[in-house]
Amino acid sequence: MGKAAPDAVLDKILTEICTATRLCVCAGQPTTYAEAITTFKLADVDLTAGDGNGDYVIGNGDTNGRKVRVGAQAATPIDTTGDADHVALVRVSDTTLIFVTTCTLQTLTALGTVDVPVWDIEVADPT
């Protein structure tokens, strides 16, 4: 017997990710909301929540499954100097850490800006 998960089930995970309302560029891996928005935050930008609202688009995965594409964020103001190596998505309304991933190491300088490119979060079909 094969394994399967309908797209609607995989999309539930991605829809939850799309509730994030802020993207934080961090120096270190945050494990809590507080760490993402204060302890490790170098830069942050508000996002518009919801699939298809401008910052998130849910669709087919690159090889299988489903993905959410997180839109590019240009000229994000840098608050603190440091070495960026993680990006966190948080939901401000209830102080929830939604998702954390690594990024290419880059030294950021306070009062400058950083561009965050488009990136995907994929959920594979069961195997």
PDB file of N, CA and C in Angstrom:
ATOM      1  N   MET A   1       0.823  -1.191   0.000  1.00  0.00           N
ATOM      2  CA  MET A   1       0.000   0.000   0.000  1.00  0.00           C
ATOM      3  C   MET A   1       0.865   1.251   0.000  1.00  0.00           C
ATOM      4  N   GLY A   2       0.421   2.228  -0.741  1.00  0.00           N
ATOM      5  CA  GLY A   2       1.132   3.497  -0.815  1.00  0.00           C
ATOM      6  C   GLY A   2       0.761   4.431   0.329  1.00  0.00           C
ATOM      7  N   LYS A   3       1.502   5.498   0.449  1.00  0.00           N
ATOM      8  CA  LYS A   3       1.233   6.538   1.440  1.00  0.00           C
ATOM      9  C   LYS A   3       0.808   7.786   0.702  1.00  0.00           C
ATOM     10  N   ALA A   4      -0.113   8.533   1.315  1.00  0.00           N
ATOM     11  CA  ALA A   4      -0.583   9.743   0.658  1.00  0.00           C
ATOM     12  C   ALA A   4      -1.087  10.740   1.693  1.00  0.00           C
ATOM     13  N   ALA A   5      -0.988  11.999   1.341  1.00  0.00           N
ATOM     14  CA  ALA A   5      -1.590  13.079   2.117  1.00  0.00           C
ATOM     15  C   ALA A   5      -2.143  14.071   1.106  1.00  0.00           C
ATOM     16  N   PRO A   6      -3.434  14.342   1.158  1.00  0.00           N
ATOM     17  CA  PRO A   6      -4.011  15.301   0.212  1.00  0.00           C
ATOM     18  C   PRO A   6      -3.369  16.681   0.365  1.00  0.00           C
ATOM     19  N   ASP A   7      -3.344  17.435  -0.735  1.00  0.00           N
ATOM     20  CA  ASP A   7      -2.789  18.787  -0.690  1.00  0.00           C
ATOM     21  C   ASP A   7      -3.427  19.618   0.419  1.00  0.00           C
ATOM     22  N   ALA A   8      -4.715  19.434   0.636  1.00  0.00           N
ATOM     23  CA  ALA A   8      -5.421  20.221   1.660  1.00  0.00           C
ATOM     24  C   ALA A   8      -4.833  19.992   3.045  1.00  0.00           C
ATOM     25  N   VAL A   9      -4.355  18.786   3.315  1.00  0.00           N
ATOM     26  CA  VAL A   9      -3.744  18.482   4.613  1.00  0.00           C
ATOM     27  C   VAL A   9      -2.373  19.156   4.708  1.00  0.00           C
ATOM     28  N   LEU A  10      -1.561  19.027   3.673  1.00  0.00           N
ATOM     29  CA  LEU A  10      -0.250  19.675   3.669  1.00  0.00           C
ATOM     30  C   LEU A  10      -0.399  21.198   3.748  1.00  0.00           C
ATOM     31  N   ASP A  11      -1.424  21.725   3.091  1.00  0.00           N
ATOM     32  CA  ASP A  11      -1.654  23.173   3.098  1.00  0.00           C
ATOM     33  C   ASP A  11      -1.997  23.708   4.484  1.00  0.00           C
ATOM     34  N   LYS A  12      -2.536  22.874   5.362  1.00  0.00           N
ATOM     35  CA  LYS A  12      -2.833  23.325   6.732  1.00  0.00           C
ATOM     36  C   LYS A  12      -1.555  23.773   7.435  1.00  0.00           C
ATOM     37  N   ILE A  13      -0.476  23.038   7.240  1.00  0.00           N
ATOM     38  CA  ILE A  13       0.817  23.425   7.820  1.00  0.00           C
ATOM     39  C   ILE A  13       1.262  24.762   7.233  1.00  0.00           C
ATOM     40  N   LEU A  14       1.184  24.881   5.923  1.00  0.00           N
ATOM     41  CA  LEU A  14       1.650  26.088   5.251  1.00  0.00           C
ATOM     42  C   LEU A  14       0.764  27.292   5.573  1.00  0.00           C
ATOM     43  N   THR A  15      -0.527  27.061   5.717  1.00  0.00           N
ATOM     44  CA  THR A  15      -1.444  28.141   6.085  1.00  0.00           C
ATOM     45  C   THR A  15      -1.095  28.702   7.455  1.00  0.00           C
ATOM     46  N   GLU A  16      -0.698  27.842   8.371  1.00  0.00           N
ATOM     47  CA  GLU A  16      -0.270  28.304   9.700  1.00  0.00           C
ATOM     48  C   GLU A  16       0.986  29.162   9.586  1.00  0.00           C
ATOM     49  N   ILE A  17       1.925  28.760   8.745  1.00  0.00           N
ATOM     50  CA  ILE A  17       3.127  29.564   8.534  1.00  0.00           C
ATOM     51  C   ILE A  17       2.754  30.938   7.997  1.00  0.00           C
ATOM     52  N   CYS A  18       1.751  30.981   7.128  1.00  0.00           N
ATOM     53  CA  CYS A  18       1.307  32.249   6.530  1.00  0.00           C
ATOM     54  C   CYS A  18       0.645  33.195   7.526  1.00  0.00           C
ATOM     55  N   THR A  19       0.486  32.783   8.781  1.00  0.00           N
ATOM     56  CA  THR A  19      -0.071  33.689   9.797  1.00  0.00           C
ATOM     57  C   THR A  19       1.011  34.573  10.408  1.00  0.00           C
ATOM     58  N   ALA A  20       2.273  34.325  10.074  1.00  0.00           N
ATOM     59  CA  ALA A  20       3.362  35.144  10.608  1.00  0.00           C
ATOM     60  C   ALA A  20       3.238  36.577  10.077  1.00  0.00           C
ATOM     61  N   THR A  21       3.459  37.538  10.960  1.00  0.00           N
ATOM     62  CA  THR A  21       3.297  38.950  10.604  1.00  0.00           C
ATOM     63  C   THR A  21       4.602  39.745  10.675  1.00  0.00           C
ATOM     64  N   ARG A  22       5.695  39.068  10.992  1.00  0.00           N
ATOM     65  CA  ARG A  22       6.990  39.756  11.009  1.00  0.00           C
ATOM     66  C   ARG A  22       8.094  38.767  10.665  1.00  0.00           C
ATOM     67  N   LEU A  23       9.053  39.240   9.882  1.00  0.00           N
ATOM     68  CA  LEU A  23      10.245  38.481   9.539  1.00  0.00           C
ATOM     69  C   LEU A  23      11.412  39.134  10.268  1.00  0.00           C
ATOM     70  N   CYS A  24      12.187  38.331  10.993  1.00  0.00           N
ATOM     71  CA  CYS A  24      13.348  38.822  11.735  1.00  0.00           C
ATOM     72  C   CYS A  24      14.614  38.171  11.183  1.00  0.00           C
ATOM     73  N   VAL A  25      15.595  38.984  10.865  1.00  0.00           N
ATOM     74  CA  VAL A  25      16.918  38.494  10.476  1.00  0.00           C
ATOM     75  C   VAL A  25      17.729  38.443  11.767  1.00  0.00           C
ATOM     76  N   CYS A  26      18.294  37.274  12.077  1.00  0.00           N
ATOM     77  CA  CYS A  26      18.884  37.045  13.394  1.00  0.00           C
ATOM     78  C   CYS A  26      20.345  36.602  13.332  1.00  0.00           C
ATOM     79  N   ALA A  27      21.064  36.902  14.406  1.00  0.00           N
ATOM     80  CA  ALA A  27      22.425  36.402  14.627  1.00  0.00           C
ATOM     81  C   ALA A  27      22.298  35.284  15.652  1.00  0.00           C
ATOM     82  N   GLY A  28      22.165  34.067  15.174  1.00  0.00           N
ATOM     83  CA  GLY A  28      21.920  32.924  16.048  1.00  0.00           C
ATOM     84  C   GLY A  28      20.520  32.393  15.842  1.00  0.00           C
ATOM     85  N   GLN A  29      20.296  31.182  16.329  1.00  0.00           N
ATOM     86  CA  GLN A  29      19.014  30.518  16.152  1.00  0.00           C
ATOM     87  C   GLN A  29      18.088  30.811  17.320  1.00  0.00           C
ATOM     88  N   PRO A  30      17.037  31.596  17.084  1.00  0.00           N
ATOM     89  CA  PRO A  30      16.082  31.833  18.162  1.00  0.00           C
ATOM     90  C   PRO A  30      15.232  30.589  18.415  1.00  0.00           C
ATOM     91  N   THR A  31      14.937  30.338  19.679  1.00  0.00           N
ATOM     92  CA  THR A  31      14.070  29.214  20.036  1.00  0.00           C
ATOM     93  C   THR A  31      12.773  29.693  20.679  1.00  0.00           C
ATOM     94  N   THR A  32      12.649  31.014  20.856  1.00  0.00           N
ATOM     95  CA  THR A  32      11.433  31.604  21.411  1.00  0.00           C
ATOM     96  C   THR A  32      11.115  32.876  20.639  1.00  0.00           C
ATOM     97  N   TYR A  33       9.908  33.347  20.801  1.00  0.00           N
ATOM     98  CA  TYR A  33       9.496  34.617  20.205  1.00  0.00           C
ATOM     99  C   TYR A  33      10.394  35.741  20.708  1.00  0.00           C
ATOM    100  N   ALA A  34      10.608  35.792  22.015  1.00  0.00           N
ATOM    101  CA  ALA A  34      11.419  36.865  22.605  1.00  0.00           C
ATOM    102  C   ALA A  34      12.827  36.893  22.011  1.00  0.00           C
ATOM    103  N   GLU A  35      13.427  35.734  21.831  1.00  0.00           N
ATOM    104  CA  GLU A  35      14.762  35.689  21.234  1.00  0.00           C
ATOM    105  C   GLU A  35      14.744  36.199  19.795  1.00  0.00           C
ATOM    106  N   ALA A  36      13.685  35.850  19.044  1.00  0.00           N
ATOM    107  CA  ALA A  36      13.600  36.257  17.640  1.00  0.00           C
ATOM    108  C   ALA A  36      13.454  37.769  17.492  1.00  0.00           C
ATOM    109  N   ILE A  37      12.707  38.400  18.402  1.00  0.00           N
ATOM    110  CA  ILE A  37      12.441  39.831  18.221  1.00  0.00           C
ATOM    111  C   ILE A  37      13.361  40.732  19.034  1.00  0.00           C
ATOM    112  N   THR A  38      14.159  40.149  19.937  1.00  0.00           N
ATOM    113  CA  THR A  38      15.053  40.993  20.744  1.00  0.00           C
ATOM    114  C   THR A  38      16.474  40.434  20.804  1.00  0.00           C
ATOM    115  N   THR A  39      16.648  39.296  21.445  1.00  0.00           N
ATOM    116  CA  THR A  39      17.975  38.756  21.739  1.00  0.00           C
ATOM    117  C   THR A  39      18.849  38.606  20.507  1.00  0.00           C
ATOM    118  N   PHE A  40      18.320  38.009  19.450  1.00  0.00           N
ATOM    119  CA  PHE A  40      19.100  37.700  18.258  1.00  0.00           C
ATOM    120  C   PHE A  40      18.783  38.587  17.059  1.00  0.00           C
ATOM    121  N   LYS A  41      17.785  39.461  17.167  1.00  0.00           N
ATOM    122  CA  LYS A  41      17.326  40.248  16.020  1.00  0.00           C
ATOM    123  C   LYS A  41      18.338  41.310  15.608  1.00  0.00           C
ATOM    124  N   LEU A  42      18.639  41.310  14.316  1.00  0.00           N
ATOM    125  CA  LEU A  42      19.476  42.357  13.730  1.00  0.00           C
ATOM    126  C   LEU A  42      18.636  43.316  12.885  1.00  0.00           C
ATOM    127  N   ALA A  43      17.612  42.770  12.243  1.00  0.00           N
ATOM    128  CA  ALA A  43      16.724  43.551  11.378  1.00  0.00           C
ATOM    129  C   ALA A  43      15.370  42.858  11.353  1.00  0.00           C
ATOM    130  N   ASP A  44      14.323  43.631  11.116  1.00  0.00           N
ATOM    131  CA  ASP A  44      12.999  43.025  11.001  1.00  0.00           C
ATOM    132  C   ASP A  44      12.106  43.857  10.099  1.00  0.00           C
ATOM    133  N   VAL A  45      11.080  43.192   9.577  1.00  0.00           N
ATOM    134  CA  VAL A  45      10.131  43.847   8.681  1.00  0.00           C
ATOM    135  C   VAL A  45       8.768  43.200   8.890  1.00  0.00           C
ATOM    136  N   ASP A  46       7.715  44.021   8.867  1.00  0.00           N
ATOM    137  CA  ASP A  46       6.360  43.497   8.989  1.00  0.00           C
ATOM    138  C   ASP A  46       5.933  42.847   7.691  1.00  0.00           C
ATOM    139  N   LEU A  47       5.140  41.774   7.819  1.00  0.00           N
ATOM    140  CA  LEU A  47       4.619  41.033   6.679  1.00  0.00           C
ATOM    141  C   LEU A  47       3.099  41.088   6.690  1.00  0.00           C
ATOM    142  N   THR A  48       2.502  40.900   5.515  1.00  0.00           N
ATOM    143  CA  THR A  48       1.057  40.771   5.410  1.00  0.00           C
ATOM    144  C   THR A  48       0.726  39.289   5.472  1.00  0.00           C
ATOM    145  N   ALA A  49      -0.042  38.901   6.476  1.00  0.00           N
ATOM    146  CA  ALA A  49      -0.398  37.489   6.669  1.00  0.00           C
ATOM    147  C   ALA A  49      -1.397  37.027   5.614  1.00  0.00           C
ATOM    148  N   GLY A  50      -1.391  35.719   5.354  1.00  0.00           N
ATOM    149  CA  GLY A  50      -2.377  35.099   4.483  1.00  0.00           C
ATOM    150  C   GLY A  50      -1.840  34.741   3.111  1.00  0.00           C
ATOM    151  N   ASP A  51      -2.259  33.599   2.618  1.00  0.00           N
ATOM    152  CA  ASP A  51      -1.881  33.119   1.296  1.00  0.00           C
ATOM    153  C   ASP A  51      -2.393  34.082   0.232  1.00  0.00           C
ATOM    154  N   GLY A  52      -1.504  34.514  -0.649  1.00  0.00           N
ATOM    155  CA  GLY A  52      -1.906  35.352  -1.766  1.00  0.00           C
ATOM    156  C   GLY A  52      -2.080  36.825  -1.438  1.00  0.00           C
ATOM    157  N   ASN A  53      -1.679  37.242  -0.255  1.00  0.00           N
ATOM    158  CA  ASN A  53      -1.847  38.641   0.137  1.00  0.00           C
ATOM    159  C   ASN A  53      -0.628  39.499  -0.148  1.00  0.00           C
ATOM    160  N   GLY A  54       0.371  38.942  -0.781  1.00  0.00           N
ATOM    161  CA  GLY A  54       1.543  39.728  -1.136  1.00  0.00           C
ATOM    162  C   GLY A  54       2.840  39.174  -0.592  1.00  0.00           C
ATOM    163  N   ASP A  55       2.832  38.663   0.638  1.00  0.00           N
ATOM    164  CA  ASP A  55       4.069  38.147   1.213  1.00  0.00           C
ATOM    165  C   ASP A  55       4.160  36.626   1.192  1.00  0.00           C
ATOM    166  N   TYR A  56       3.049  35.939   0.975  1.00  0.00           N
ATOM    167  CA  TYR A  56       3.032  34.472   0.962  1.00  0.00           C
ATOM    168  C   TYR A  56       2.199  33.967  -0.209  1.00  0.00           C
ATOM    169  N   VAL A  57       2.696  32.883  -0.837  1.00  0.00           N
ATOM    170  CA  VAL A  57       1.925  32.198  -1.875  1.00  0.00           C
ATOM    171  C   VAL A  57       2.134  30.703  -1.696  1.00  0.00           C
ATOM    172  N   ILE A  58       1.037  29.975  -1.501  1.00  0.00           N
ATOM    173  CA  ILE A  58       1.073  28.514  -1.374  1.00  0.00           C
ATOM    174  C   ILE A  58       0.871  27.895  -2.745  1.00  0.00           C
ATOM    175  N   GLY A  59       1.675  26.861  -3.055  1.00  0.00           N
ATOM    176  CA  GLY A  59       1.546  26.180  -4.339  1.00  0.00           C
ATOM    177  C   GLY A  59       2.209  24.820  -4.303  1.00  0.00           C
ATOM    178  N   ASN A  60       2.368  24.236  -5.474  1.00  0.00           N
ATOM    179  CA  ASN A  60       3.011  22.932  -5.573  1.00  0.00           C
ATOM    180  C   ASN A  60       4.484  23.038  -5.214  1.00  0.00           C
ATOM    181  N   GLY A  61       5.016  21.981  -4.565  1.00  0.00           N
ATOM    182  CA  GLY A  61       6.435  21.917  -4.251  1.00  0.00           C
ATOM    183  C   GLY A  61       7.260  21.787  -5.517  1.00  0.00           C
ATOM    184  N   ASP A  62       8.550  22.008  -5.403  1.00  0.00           N
ATOM    185  CA  ASP A  62       9.423  21.939  -6.571  1.00  0.00           C
ATOM    186  C   ASP A  62       9.528  20.537  -7.139  1.00  0.00           C
ATOM    187  N   THR A  63       9.538  19.508  -6.283  1.00  0.00           N
ATOM    188  CA  THR A  63       9.608  18.131  -6.770  1.00  0.00           C
ATOM    189  C   THR A  63       8.366  17.328  -6.413  1.00  0.00           C
ATOM    190  N   ASN A  64       7.751  17.626  -5.279  1.00  0.00           N
ATOM    191  CA  ASN A  64       6.491  16.996  -4.871  1.00  0.00           C
ATOM    192  C   ASN A  64       5.950  17.787  -3.686  1.00  0.00           C
ATOM    193  N   GLY A  65       4.841  17.354  -3.135  1.00  0.00           N
ATOM    194  CA  GLY A  65       4.295  18.017  -1.967  1.00  0.00           C
ATOM    195  C   GLY A  65       3.839  19.433  -2.266  1.00  0.00           C
ATOM    196  N   ARG A  66       3.937  20.283  -1.239  1.00  0.00           N
ATOM    197  CA  ARG A  66       3.461  21.653  -1.338  1.00  0.00           C
ATOM    198  C   ARG A  66       4.511  22.601  -0.759  1.00  0.00           C
ATOM    199  N   LYS A  67       4.406  23.877  -1.091  1.00  0.00           N
ATOM    200  CA  LYS A  67       5.341  24.858  -0.545  1.00  0.00           C
ATOM    201  C   LYS A  67       4.632  26.189  -0.354  1.00  0.00           C
ATOM    202  N   VAL A  68       5.208  26.997   0.523  1.00  0.00           N
ATOM    203  CA  VAL A  68       4.821  28.395   0.611  1.00  0.00           C
ATOM    204  C   VAL A  68       6.042  29.204   0.210  1.00  0.00           C
ATOM    205  N   ARG A  69       5.829  30.141  -0.690  1.00  0.00           N
ATOM    206  CA  ARG A  69       6.890  31.052  -1.115  1.00  0.00           C
ATOM    207  C   ARG A  69       6.758  32.324  -0.285  1.00  0.00           C
ATOM    208  N   VAL A  70       7.850  32.682   0.390  1.00  0.00           N
ATOM    209  CA  VAL A  70       7.889  33.905   1.189  1.00  0.00           C
ATOM    210  C   VAL A  70       8.508  34.982   0.305  1.00  0.00           C
ATOM    211  N   GLY A  71       7.786  36.067   0.127  1.00  0.00           N
ATOM    212  CA  GLY A  71       8.215  37.120  -0.780  1.00  0.00           C
ATOM    213  C   GLY A  71       9.480  37.835  -0.336  1.00  0.00           C
ATOM    214  N   ALA A  72      10.194  38.395  -1.311  1.00  0.00           N
ATOM    215  CA  ALA A  72      11.406  39.160  -1.043  1.00  0.00           C
ATOM    216  C   ALA A  72      11.082  40.412  -0.239  1.00  0.00           C
ATOM    217  N   GLN A  73      12.016  40.806   0.605  1.00  0.00           N
ATOM    218  CA  GLN A  73      11.886  42.027   1.404  1.00  0.00           C
ATOM    219  C   GLN A  73      13.105  42.894   1.114  1.00  0.00           C
ATOM    220  N   ALA A  74      12.907  43.972   0.364  1.00  0.00           N
ATOM    221  CA  ALA A  74      14.012  44.826  -0.057  1.00  0.00           C
ATOM    222  C   ALA A  74      14.255  45.947   0.948  1.00  0.00           C
ATOM    223  N   ALA A  75      15.510  46.294   1.108  1.00  0.00           N
ATOM    224  CA  ALA A  75      15.932  47.444   1.916  1.00  0.00           C
ATOM    225  C   ALA A  75      15.351  47.408   3.336  1.00  0.00           C
ATOM    226  N   THR A  76      15.451  46.253   3.970  1.00  0.00           N
ATOM    227  CA  THR A  76      14.998  46.117   5.350  1.00  0.00           C
ATOM    228  C   THR A  76      15.993  46.828   6.271  1.00  0.00           C
ATOM    229  N   PRO A  77      15.524  47.768   7.090  1.00  0.00           N
ATOM    230  CA  PRO A  77      16.440  48.517   7.961  1.00  0.00           C
ATOM    231  C   PRO A  77      17.135  47.615   8.984  1.00  0.00           C
ATOM    232  N   ILE A  78      18.438  47.821   9.147  1.00  0.00           N
ATOM    233  CA  ILE A  78      19.232  47.064  10.114  1.00  0.00           C
ATOM    234  C   ILE A  78      19.306  47.868  11.411  1.00  0.00           C
ATOM    235  N   ASP A  79      18.904  47.239  12.511  1.00  0.00           N
ATOM    236  CA  ASP A  79      18.896  47.893  13.826  1.00  0.00           C
ATOM    237  C   ASP A  79      20.198  47.681  14.589  1.00  0.00           C
ATOM    238  N   THR A  80      20.800  46.500  14.411  1.00  0.00           N
ATOM    239  CA  THR A  80      21.955  46.108  15.217  1.00  0.00           C
ATOM    240  C   THR A  80      23.023  45.482  14.325  1.00  0.00           C
ATOM    241  N   THR A  81      24.278  45.800  14.566  1.00  0.00           N
ATOM    242  CA  THR A  81      25.384  45.198  13.829  1.00  0.00           C
ATOM    243  C   THR A  81      25.609  43.762  14.305  1.00  0.00           C
ATOM    244  N   GLY A  82      25.849  42.863  13.364  1.00  0.00           N
ATOM    245  CA  GLY A  82      26.130  41.477  13.714  1.00  0.00           C
ATOM    246  C   GLY A  82      26.158  40.589  12.491  1.00  0.00           C
ATOM    247  N   ASP A  83      26.427  39.314  12.718  1.00  0.00           N
ATOM    248  CA  ASP A  83      26.501  38.320  11.648  1.00  0.00           C
ATOM    249  C   ASP A  83      25.173  37.579  11.536  1.00  0.00           C
ATOM    250  N   ALA A  84      24.432  37.864  10.496  1.00  0.00           N
ATOM    251  CA  ALA A  84      23.136  37.220  10.264  1.00  0.00           C
ATOM    252  C   ALA A  84      23.347  35.803   9.764  1.00  0.00           C
ATOM    253  N   ASP A  85      22.668  34.842  10.421  1.00  0.00           N
ATOM    254  CA  ASP A  85      22.749  33.456   9.969  1.00  0.00           C
ATOM    255  C   ASP A  85      21.413  32.716  10.058  1.00  0.00           C
ATOM    256  N   HIS A  86      20.374  33.400  10.536  1.00  0.00           N
ATOM    257  CA  HIS A  86      19.044  32.800  10.630  1.00  0.00           C
ATOM    258  C   HIS A  86      17.973  33.822  10.262  1.00  0.00           C
ATOM    259  N   VAL A  87      16.838  33.304   9.835  1.00  0.00           N
ATOM    260  CA  VAL A  87      15.650  34.116   9.595  1.00  0.00           C
ATOM    261  C   VAL A  87      14.512  33.463  10.364  1.00  0.00           C
ATOM    262  N   ALA A  88      13.740  34.286  11.069  1.00  0.00           N
ATOM    263  CA  ALA A  88      12.604  33.788  11.854  1.00  0.00           C
ATOM    264  C   ALA A  88      11.331  34.481  11.402  1.00  0.00           C
ATOM    265  N   LEU A  89      10.247  33.713  11.385  1.00  0.00           N
ATOM    266  CA  LEU A  89       8.921  34.260  11.154  1.00  0.00           C
ATOM    267  C   LEU A  89       8.166  34.191  12.477  1.00  0.00           C
ATOM    268  N   VAL A  90       7.543  35.303  12.863  1.00  0.00           N
ATOM    269  CA  VAL A  90       6.800  35.356  14.119  1.00  0.00           C
ATOM    270  C   VAL A  90       5.421  35.966  13.888  1.00  0.00           C
ATOM    271  N   ARG A  91       4.498  35.614  14.789  1.00  0.00           N
ATOM    272  CA  ARG A  91       3.170  36.225  14.792  1.00  0.00           C
ATOM    273  C   ARG A  91       3.116  37.147  15.996  1.00  0.00           C
ATOM    274  N   VAL A  92       3.060  38.443  15.746  1.00  0.00           N
ATOM    275  CA  VAL A  92       3.154  39.447  16.790  1.00  0.00           C
ATOM    276  C   VAL A  92       1.926  39.425  17.716  1.00  0.00           C
ATOM    277  N   SER A  93       0.737  39.213  17.183  1.00  0.00           N
ATOM    278  CA  SER A  93      -0.498  39.342  17.967  1.00  0.00           C
ATOM    279  C   SER A  93      -0.540  38.449  19.198  1.00  0.00           C
ATOM    280  N   ASP A  94       0.052  37.268  19.113  1.00  0.00           N
ATOM    281  CA  ASP A  94       0.041  36.360  20.274  1.00  0.00           C
ATOM    282  C   ASP A  94       1.452  35.877  20.631  1.00  0.00           C
ATOM    283  N   THR A  95       2.449  36.629  20.196  1.00  0.00           N
ATOM    284  CA  THR A  95       3.864  36.367  20.504  1.00  0.00           C
ATOM    285  C   THR A  95       4.269  34.910  20.274  1.00  0.00           C
ATOM    286  N   THR A  96       4.044  34.459  19.039  1.00  0.00           N
ATOM    287  CA  THR A  96       4.346  33.081  18.676  1.00  0.00           C
ATOM    288  C   THR A  96       5.494  33.021  17.671  1.00  0.00           C
ATOM    289  N   LEU A  97       6.469  32.190  17.965  1.00  0.00           N
ATOM    290  CA  LEU A  97       7.519  31.870  17.004  1.00  0.00           C
ATOM    291  C   LEU A  97       6.938  30.836  16.053  1.00  0.00           C
ATOM    292  N   ILE A  98       6.899  31.154  14.756  1.00  0.00           N
ATOM    293  CA  ILE A  98       6.247  30.288  13.765  1.00  0.00           C
ATOM    294  C   ILE A  98       7.240  29.386  13.048  1.00  0.00           C
ATOM    295  N   PHE A  99       8.378  29.957  12.604  1.00  0.00           N
ATOM    296  CA  PHE A  99       9.303  29.188  11.770  1.00  0.00           C
ATOM    297  C   PHE A  99      10.679  29.827  11.846  1.00  0.00           C
ATOM    298  N   VAL A 100      11.719  28.992  11.838  1.00  0.00           N
ATOM    299  CA  VAL A 100      13.106  29.470  11.832  1.00  0.00           C
ATOM    300  C   VAL A 100      13.884  28.659  10.797  1.00  0.00           C
ATOM    301  N   THR A 101      14.732  29.344  10.045  1.00  0.00           N
ATOM    302  CA  THR A 101      15.592  28.668   9.081  1.00  0.00           C
ATOM    303  C   THR A 101      16.957  29.358   9.053  1.00  0.00           C
ATOM    304  N   THR A 102      17.907  28.709   8.445  1.00  0.00           N
ATOM    305  CA  THR A 102      19.228  29.313   8.281  1.00  0.00           C
ATOM    306  C   THR A 102      19.231  30.179   7.027  1.00  0.00           C
ATOM    307  N   CYS A 103      20.214  31.054   6.956  1.00  0.00           N
ATOM    308  CA  CYS A 103      20.436  31.862   5.757  1.00  0.00           C
ATOM    309  C   CYS A 103      21.941  31.961   5.529  1.00  0.00           C
ATOM    310  N   THR A 104      22.310  32.439   4.371  1.00  0.00           N
ATOM    311  CA  THR A 104      23.721  32.645   4.067  1.00  0.00           C
ATOM    312  C   THR A 104      24.300  33.657   5.042  1.00  0.00           C
ATOM    313  N   LEU A 105      25.410  33.306   5.671  1.00  0.00           N
ATOM    314  CA  LEU A 105      26.053  34.194   6.639  1.00  0.00           C
ATOM    315  C   LEU A 105      26.399  35.524   5.979  1.00  0.00           C
ATOM    316  N   GLN A 106      25.985  36.600   6.639  1.00  0.00           N
ATOM    317  CA  GLN A 106      26.258  37.936   6.120  1.00  0.00           C
ATOM    318  C   GLN A 106      26.430  38.888   7.294  1.00  0.00           C
ATOM    319  N   THR A 107      27.474  39.692   7.275  1.00  0.00           N
ATOM    320  CA  THR A 107      27.681  40.698   8.309  1.00  0.00           C
ATOM    321  C   THR A 107      26.821  41.913   7.993  1.00  0.00           C
ATOM    322  N   LEU A 108      25.988  42.308   8.952  1.00  0.00           N
ATOM    323  CA  LEU A 108      25.109  43.463   8.798  1.00  0.00           C
ATOM    324  C   LEU A 108      25.612  44.598   9.681  1.00  0.00           C
ATOM    325  N   THR A 109      25.437  45.814   9.202  1.00  0.00           N
ATOM    326  CA  THR A 109      25.886  46.989   9.936  1.00  0.00           C
ATOM    327  C   THR A 109      24.692  47.872  10.265  1.00  0.00           C
ATOM    328  N   ALA A 110      24.573  48.225  11.545  1.00  0.00           N
ATOM    329  CA  ALA A 110      23.460  49.059  12.001  1.00  0.00           C
ATOM    330  C   ALA A 110      23.325  50.314  11.143  1.00  0.00           C
ATOM    331  N   LEU A 111      22.095  50.687  10.904  1.00  0.00           N
ATOM    332  CA  LEU A 111      21.680  51.853  10.121  1.00  0.00           C
ATOM    333  C   LEU A 111      21.767  51.625   8.616  1.00  0.00           C
ATOM    334  N   GLY A 112      22.240  50.443   8.206  1.00  0.00           N
ATOM    335  CA  GLY A 112      22.213  50.079   6.794  1.00  0.00           C
ATOM    336  C   GLY A 112      20.901  49.373   6.478  1.00  0.00           C
ATOM    337  N   THR A 113      20.872  48.700   5.351  1.00  0.00           N
ATOM    338  CA  THR A 113      19.707  47.898   4.982  1.00  0.00           C
ATOM    339  C   THR A 113      20.168  46.531   4.497  1.00  0.00           C
ATOM    340  N   VAL A 114      19.261  45.579   4.532  1.00  0.00           N
ATOM    341  CA  VAL A 114      19.530  44.239   4.031  1.00  0.00           C
ATOM    342  C   VAL A 114      18.360  43.814   3.150  1.00  0.00           C
ATOM    343  N   ASP A 115      18.671  43.139   2.053  1.00  0.00           N
ATOM    344  CA  ASP A 115      17.653  42.568   1.176  1.00  0.00           C
ATOM    345  C   ASP A 115      17.496  41.095   1.522  1.00  0.00           C
ATOM    346  N   VAL A 116      16.267  40.683   1.765  1.00  0.00           N
ATOM    347  CA  VAL A 116      15.970  39.269   2.008  1.00  0.00           C
ATOM    348  C   VAL A 116      15.333  38.738   0.732  1.00  0.00           C
ATOM    349  N   PRO A 117      15.976  37.761   0.066  1.00  0.00           N
ATOM    350  CA  PRO A 117      15.424  37.263  -1.191  1.00  0.00           C
ATOM    351  C   PRO A 117      14.201  36.373  -0.969  1.00  0.00           C
ATOM    352  N   VAL A 118      13.505  36.095  -2.049  1.00  0.00           N
ATOM    353  CA  VAL A 118      12.414  35.122  -2.027  1.00  0.00           C
ATOM    354  C   VAL A 118      12.951  33.795  -1.526  1.00  0.00           C
ATOM    355  N   TRP A 119      12.169  33.093  -0.700  1.00  0.00           N
ATOM    356  CA  TRP A 119      12.572  31.771  -0.240  1.00  0.00           C
ATOM    357  C   TRP A 119      11.335  30.911  -0.025  1.00  0.00           C
ATOM    358  N   ASP A 120      11.537  29.599  -0.038  1.00  0.00           N
ATOM    359  CA  ASP A 120      10.433  28.642   0.058  1.00  0.00           C
ATOM    360  C   ASP A 120      10.545  27.777   1.302  1.00  0.00           C
ATOM    361  N   ILE A 121       9.385  27.387   1.796  1.00  0.00           N
ATOM    362  CA  ILE A 121       9.270  26.374   2.848  1.00  0.00           C
ATOM    363  C   ILE A 121       8.467  25.249   2.233  1.00  0.00           C
ATOM    364  N   GLU A 122       9.069  24.059   2.128  1.00  0.00           N
ATOM    365  CA  GLU A 122       8.409  22.954   1.459  1.00  0.00           C
ATOM    366  C   GLU A 122       8.023  21.837   2.417  1.00  0.00           C
ATOM    367  N   VAL A 123       6.863  21.248   2.150  1.00  0.00           N
ATOM    368  CA  VAL A 123       6.394  20.069   2.868  1.00  0.00           C
ATOM    369  C   VAL A 123       6.267  18.961   1.819  1.00  0.00           C
ATOM    370  N   ALA A 124       7.091  17.926   1.949  1.00  0.00           N
ATOM    371  CA  ALA A 124       7.122  16.847   0.957  1.00  0.00           C
ATOM    372  C   ALA A 124       5.948  15.898   1.113  1.00  0.00           C
ATOM    373  N   ASP A 125       5.578  15.242   0.027  1.00  0.00           N
ATOM    374  CA  ASP A 125       4.604  14.154   0.080  1.00  0.00           C
ATOM    375  C   ASP A 125       5.187  13.027   0.929  1.00  0.00           C
ATOM    376  N   PRO A 126       4.340  12.262   1.623  1.00  0.00           N
ATOM    377  CA  PRO A 126       4.855  11.138   2.417  1.00  0.00           C
ATOM    378  C   PRO A 126       5.489  10.081   1.515  1.00  0.00           C
ATOM    379  N   THR A 127       6.529   9.433   2.046  1.00  0.00           N
ATOM    380  CA  THR A 127       7.192   8.376   1.275  1.00  0.00           C
ATOM    381  C   THR A 127       7.199   7.094   2.082  1.00  0.00           C
TER     382      THR A 127
END
